[in-house]
């Protein structure tokens, strides 16, 4: 996942830093279990929103990443689960 800033340019991200992933799925319990399994280091997973219909739930995952490679690795691991439908 490439991040583009203003003028479609890649922004300068200083590492290490705290990074937020917004996770959307259908089951809060399954999202929490997936995050606990995939993210071995200390992190914060906070409830964010439930859809009006109640079908979807979102969380904000904050984790301290050391590099772009680590940030992208977490993104890809989370994206490959069948539990998390979308990562923003």
N, C-alpha and C. Protein backbone atom coordinates (compact mmCIF):
# COMPACT_ATOMS: atom_id res chain seq x y z
N UNK A 1 0.85 -1.17 0.00
CA UNK A 1 0.00 0.00 0.00
C UNK A 1 0.89 1.22 0.00
N UNK A 2 0.82 1.98 -1.05
CA UNK A 2 1.63 3.18 -1.14
C UNK A 2 0.79 4.38 -0.71
N UNK A 3 1.37 5.21 0.08
CA UNK A 3 0.69 6.40 0.58
C UNK A 3 1.15 7.58 -0.25
N UNK A 4 0.19 8.34 -0.75
CA UNK A 4 0.53 9.52 -1.53
C UNK A 4 -0.04 10.75 -0.85
N UNK A 5 0.75 11.79 -0.79
CA UNK A 5 0.32 13.04 -0.17
C UNK A 5 -0.13 14.02 -1.22
N UNK A 6 0.03 15.28 -0.90
CA UNK A 6 -0.33 16.33 -1.83
C UNK A 6 0.47 16.17 -3.12
N UNK A 7 -0.14 16.54 -4.23
CA UNK A 7 0.48 16.46 -5.55
C UNK A 7 0.90 15.04 -5.93
N UNK A 8 0.23 14.03 -5.32
CA UNK A 8 0.53 12.62 -5.59
C UNK A 8 1.98 12.25 -5.34
N UNK A 9 2.60 12.89 -4.37
CA UNK A 9 3.98 12.59 -4.01
C UNK A 9 3.99 11.77 -2.73
N UNK A 10 4.97 10.91 -2.62
CA UNK A 10 5.13 10.09 -1.43
C UNK A 10 5.58 10.99 -0.27
N UNK A 11 4.82 11.00 0.85
CA UNK A 11 5.20 11.88 1.97
C UNK A 11 6.44 11.35 2.70
N UNK A 12 7.12 12.23 3.35
CA UNK A 12 8.28 11.85 4.15
C UNK A 12 7.77 11.39 5.52
N UNK A 13 8.01 10.14 5.85
CA UNK A 13 7.61 9.58 7.15
C UNK A 13 8.87 9.30 7.94
N UNK A 14 8.96 9.87 9.12
CA UNK A 14 10.13 9.66 9.95
C UNK A 14 9.89 8.45 10.86
N UNK A 15 10.80 7.49 10.77
CA UNK A 15 10.74 6.28 11.58
C UNK A 15 11.81 6.35 12.64
N UNK A 16 11.58 5.72 13.78
CA UNK A 16 10.37 5.02 14.21
C UNK A 16 9.24 5.99 14.51
N UNK A 17 8.00 5.46 14.42
CA UNK A 17 6.83 6.28 14.71
C UNK A 17 5.64 5.39 15.07
N UNK A 18 4.62 5.99 15.67
CA UNK A 18 3.37 5.28 15.91
C UNK A 18 2.56 5.35 14.62
N UNK A 19 2.00 4.21 14.21
CA UNK A 19 1.23 4.16 12.98
C UNK A 19 -0.16 3.62 13.28
N UNK A 20 -1.16 4.22 12.67
CA UNK A 20 -2.54 3.78 12.86
C UNK A 20 -3.05 3.06 11.62
N UNK A 21 -3.68 1.92 11.88
CA UNK A 21 -4.39 1.17 10.85
C UNK A 21 -5.86 1.18 11.25
N UNK A 22 -6.73 1.50 10.33
CA UNK A 22 -8.17 1.44 10.59
C UNK A 22 -8.67 0.13 10.00
N UNK A 23 -9.23 -0.71 10.87
CA UNK A 23 -9.63 -2.06 10.49
C UNK A 23 -11.15 -2.17 10.48
N UNK A 24 -11.71 -2.74 9.43
CA UNK A 24 -13.15 -2.90 9.31
C UNK A 24 -13.46 -4.37 9.08
N UNK A 25 -14.44 -4.88 9.82
CA UNK A 25 -14.86 -6.27 9.67
C UNK A 25 -16.25 -6.47 10.22
N UNK A 26 -16.64 -7.74 10.32
CA UNK A 26 -17.98 -8.06 10.80
C UNK A 26 -18.01 -8.50 12.26
N UNK A 27 -16.88 -8.95 12.79
CA UNK A 27 -16.85 -9.46 14.16
C UNK A 27 -15.71 -8.81 14.95
N UNK A 28 -16.08 -8.09 15.99
CA UNK A 28 -15.08 -7.47 16.85
C UNK A 28 -14.19 -8.49 17.51
N UNK A 29 -14.78 -9.61 17.97
CA UNK A 29 -13.99 -10.65 18.62
C UNK A 29 -12.96 -11.25 17.67
N UNK A 30 -13.37 -11.50 16.43
CA UNK A 30 -12.44 -12.09 15.46
C UNK A 30 -11.34 -11.11 15.06
N UNK A 31 -11.68 -9.84 14.96
CA UNK A 31 -10.66 -8.82 14.66
C UNK A 31 -9.65 -8.77 15.79
N UNK A 32 -10.13 -8.76 17.03
CA UNK A 32 -9.22 -8.71 18.18
C UNK A 32 -8.30 -9.92 18.21
N UNK A 33 -8.85 -11.10 17.94
CA UNK A 33 -8.04 -12.32 17.93
C UNK A 33 -6.99 -12.27 16.82
N UNK A 34 -7.38 -11.81 15.64
CA UNK A 34 -6.43 -11.71 14.52
C UNK A 34 -5.30 -10.76 14.85
N UNK A 35 -5.62 -9.62 15.44
CA UNK A 35 -4.58 -8.64 15.79
C UNK A 35 -3.64 -9.22 16.84
N UNK A 36 -4.19 -9.86 17.86
CA UNK A 36 -3.35 -10.46 18.91
C UNK A 36 -2.40 -11.51 18.32
N UNK A 37 -2.87 -12.25 17.35
CA UNK A 37 -2.06 -13.29 16.72
C UNK A 37 -0.99 -12.72 15.79
N UNK A 38 -1.34 -11.70 15.03
CA UNK A 38 -0.44 -11.18 14.00
C UNK A 38 0.52 -10.11 14.45
N UNK A 39 0.16 -9.35 15.48
CA UNK A 39 1.01 -8.23 15.93
C UNK A 39 1.64 -8.63 17.26
N UNK A 40 2.88 -9.13 17.21
CA UNK A 40 3.51 -9.67 18.42
C UNK A 40 3.95 -8.60 19.42
N UNK A 41 4.10 -7.38 18.96
CA UNK A 41 4.61 -6.34 19.86
C UNK A 41 3.46 -5.58 20.50
N UNK A 42 3.82 -4.75 21.47
CA UNK A 42 2.81 -3.95 22.17
C UNK A 42 2.07 -3.07 21.17
N UNK A 43 0.75 -3.01 21.33
CA UNK A 43 -0.09 -2.22 20.45
C UNK A 43 -1.35 -1.80 21.20
N UNK A 44 -2.11 -0.92 20.58
CA UNK A 44 -3.37 -0.50 21.15
C UNK A 44 -4.46 -0.72 20.10
N UNK A 45 -5.48 -1.45 20.46
CA UNK A 45 -6.61 -1.69 19.58
C UNK A 45 -7.84 -1.09 20.23
N UNK A 46 -8.40 -0.06 19.60
CA UNK A 46 -9.53 0.66 20.19
C UNK A 46 -10.73 0.61 19.26
N UNK A 47 -11.91 0.34 19.84
CA UNK A 47 -13.15 0.39 19.08
C UNK A 47 -13.31 1.77 18.48
N UNK A 48 -13.79 1.82 17.24
CA UNK A 48 -13.97 3.09 16.58
C UNK A 48 -15.43 3.36 16.24
N UNK A 49 -16.10 2.42 15.56
CA UNK A 49 -17.43 2.71 15.05
C UNK A 49 -18.17 1.42 14.70
N UNK A 50 -19.48 1.48 14.81
CA UNK A 50 -20.34 0.39 14.34
C UNK A 50 -21.26 0.97 13.29
N UNK A 51 -21.44 0.26 12.17
CA UNK A 51 -22.28 0.77 11.09
C UNK A 51 -23.72 0.91 11.55
N UNK A 52 -24.46 1.73 10.85
CA UNK A 52 -25.86 1.98 11.18
C UNK A 52 -26.66 0.68 11.18
N UNK A 53 -26.35 -0.20 10.23
CA UNK A 53 -27.08 -1.47 10.13
C UNK A 53 -26.57 -2.50 11.13
N UNK A 54 -25.40 -2.24 11.72
CA UNK A 54 -24.82 -3.18 12.67
C UNK A 54 -24.04 -4.31 12.03
N UNK A 55 -23.92 -4.30 10.71
CA UNK A 55 -23.20 -5.37 10.01
C UNK A 55 -21.69 -5.25 10.14
N UNK A 56 -21.20 -4.03 10.27
CA UNK A 56 -19.75 -3.81 10.27
C UNK A 56 -19.31 -3.08 11.53
N UNK A 57 -18.08 -3.36 11.92
CA UNK A 57 -17.49 -2.72 13.09
C UNK A 57 -16.07 -2.29 12.71
N UNK A 58 -15.62 -1.19 13.26
CA UNK A 58 -14.27 -0.74 12.95
C UNK A 58 -13.48 -0.48 14.22
N UNK A 59 -12.17 -0.67 14.09
CA UNK A 59 -11.23 -0.45 15.17
C UNK A 59 -10.07 0.37 14.64
N UNK A 60 -9.38 1.05 15.55
CA UNK A 60 -8.13 1.73 15.22
C UNK A 60 -7.02 0.96 15.94
N UNK A 61 -6.09 0.45 15.16
CA UNK A 61 -4.92 -0.26 15.69
C UNK A 61 -3.73 0.69 15.63
N UNK A 62 -3.11 0.94 16.77
CA UNK A 62 -1.91 1.78 16.83
C UNK A 62 -0.74 0.90 17.25
N UNK A 63 0.32 0.95 16.47
CA UNK A 63 1.51 0.16 16.77
C UNK A 63 2.74 1.01 16.44
N UNK A 64 3.77 0.85 17.24
CA UNK A 64 5.03 1.57 17.03
C UNK A 64 5.85 0.79 16.01
N UNK A 65 6.10 1.40 14.85
CA UNK A 65 6.86 0.73 13.80
C UNK A 65 8.25 1.35 13.68
N UNK A 66 9.21 0.50 13.37
CA UNK A 66 10.61 0.93 13.28
C UNK A 66 11.00 1.37 11.87
N UNK A 67 10.24 0.90 10.86
CA UNK A 67 10.64 1.17 9.48
C UNK A 67 9.44 1.02 8.55
N UNK A 68 9.62 1.48 7.32
CA UNK A 68 8.56 1.31 6.31
C UNK A 68 8.33 -0.18 6.05
N UNK A 69 9.37 -0.97 6.06
CA UNK A 69 9.23 -2.40 5.83
C UNK A 69 8.36 -3.04 6.90
N UNK A 70 8.57 -2.66 8.16
CA UNK A 70 7.75 -3.21 9.24
C UNK A 70 6.30 -2.74 9.10
N UNK A 71 6.09 -1.47 8.79
CA UNK A 71 4.75 -0.93 8.61
C UNK A 71 4.01 -1.68 7.50
N UNK A 72 4.66 -1.89 6.37
CA UNK A 72 4.05 -2.59 5.25
C UNK A 72 3.83 -4.08 5.56
N UNK A 73 4.74 -4.67 6.31
CA UNK A 73 4.60 -6.07 6.69
C UNK A 73 3.33 -6.28 7.52
N UNK A 74 3.09 -5.41 8.49
CA UNK A 74 1.87 -5.50 9.30
C UNK A 74 0.64 -5.31 8.42
N UNK A 75 0.70 -4.34 7.53
CA UNK A 75 -0.43 -4.09 6.63
C UNK A 75 -0.76 -5.34 5.83
N UNK A 76 0.25 -5.96 5.23
CA UNK A 76 0.02 -7.14 4.40
C UNK A 76 -0.49 -8.33 5.22
N UNK A 77 0.05 -8.54 6.41
CA UNK A 77 -0.42 -9.63 7.26
C UNK A 77 -1.89 -9.43 7.63
N UNK A 78 -2.24 -8.21 8.03
CA UNK A 78 -3.63 -7.93 8.39
C UNK A 78 -4.55 -8.06 7.18
N UNK A 79 -4.10 -7.60 6.04
CA UNK A 79 -4.90 -7.62 4.82
C UNK A 79 -5.17 -9.04 4.33
N UNK A 80 -4.30 -9.98 4.65
CA UNK A 80 -4.45 -11.36 4.19
C UNK A 80 -5.43 -12.17 5.01
N UNK A 81 -5.86 -11.66 6.15
CA UNK A 81 -6.81 -12.41 6.96
C UNK A 81 -8.19 -12.38 6.31
N UNK A 82 -8.97 -13.37 6.59
CA UNK A 82 -10.36 -13.42 6.11
C UNK A 82 -11.28 -12.64 7.05
N UNK A 83 -10.76 -12.23 8.19
CA UNK A 83 -11.54 -11.55 9.22
C UNK A 83 -11.65 -10.06 8.96
N UNK A 84 -10.56 -9.46 8.54
CA UNK A 84 -10.51 -8.01 8.31
C UNK A 84 -10.86 -7.75 6.86
N UNK A 85 -11.94 -7.04 6.65
CA UNK A 85 -12.43 -6.81 5.30
C UNK A 85 -11.76 -5.64 4.61
N UNK A 86 -11.36 -4.65 5.39
CA UNK A 86 -10.73 -3.46 4.80
C UNK A 86 -9.79 -2.83 5.80
N UNK A 87 -8.67 -2.31 5.30
CA UNK A 87 -7.71 -1.58 6.13
C UNK A 87 -7.52 -0.21 5.50
N UNK A 88 -7.68 0.80 6.30
CA UNK A 88 -7.50 2.18 5.83
C UNK A 88 -6.32 2.79 6.52
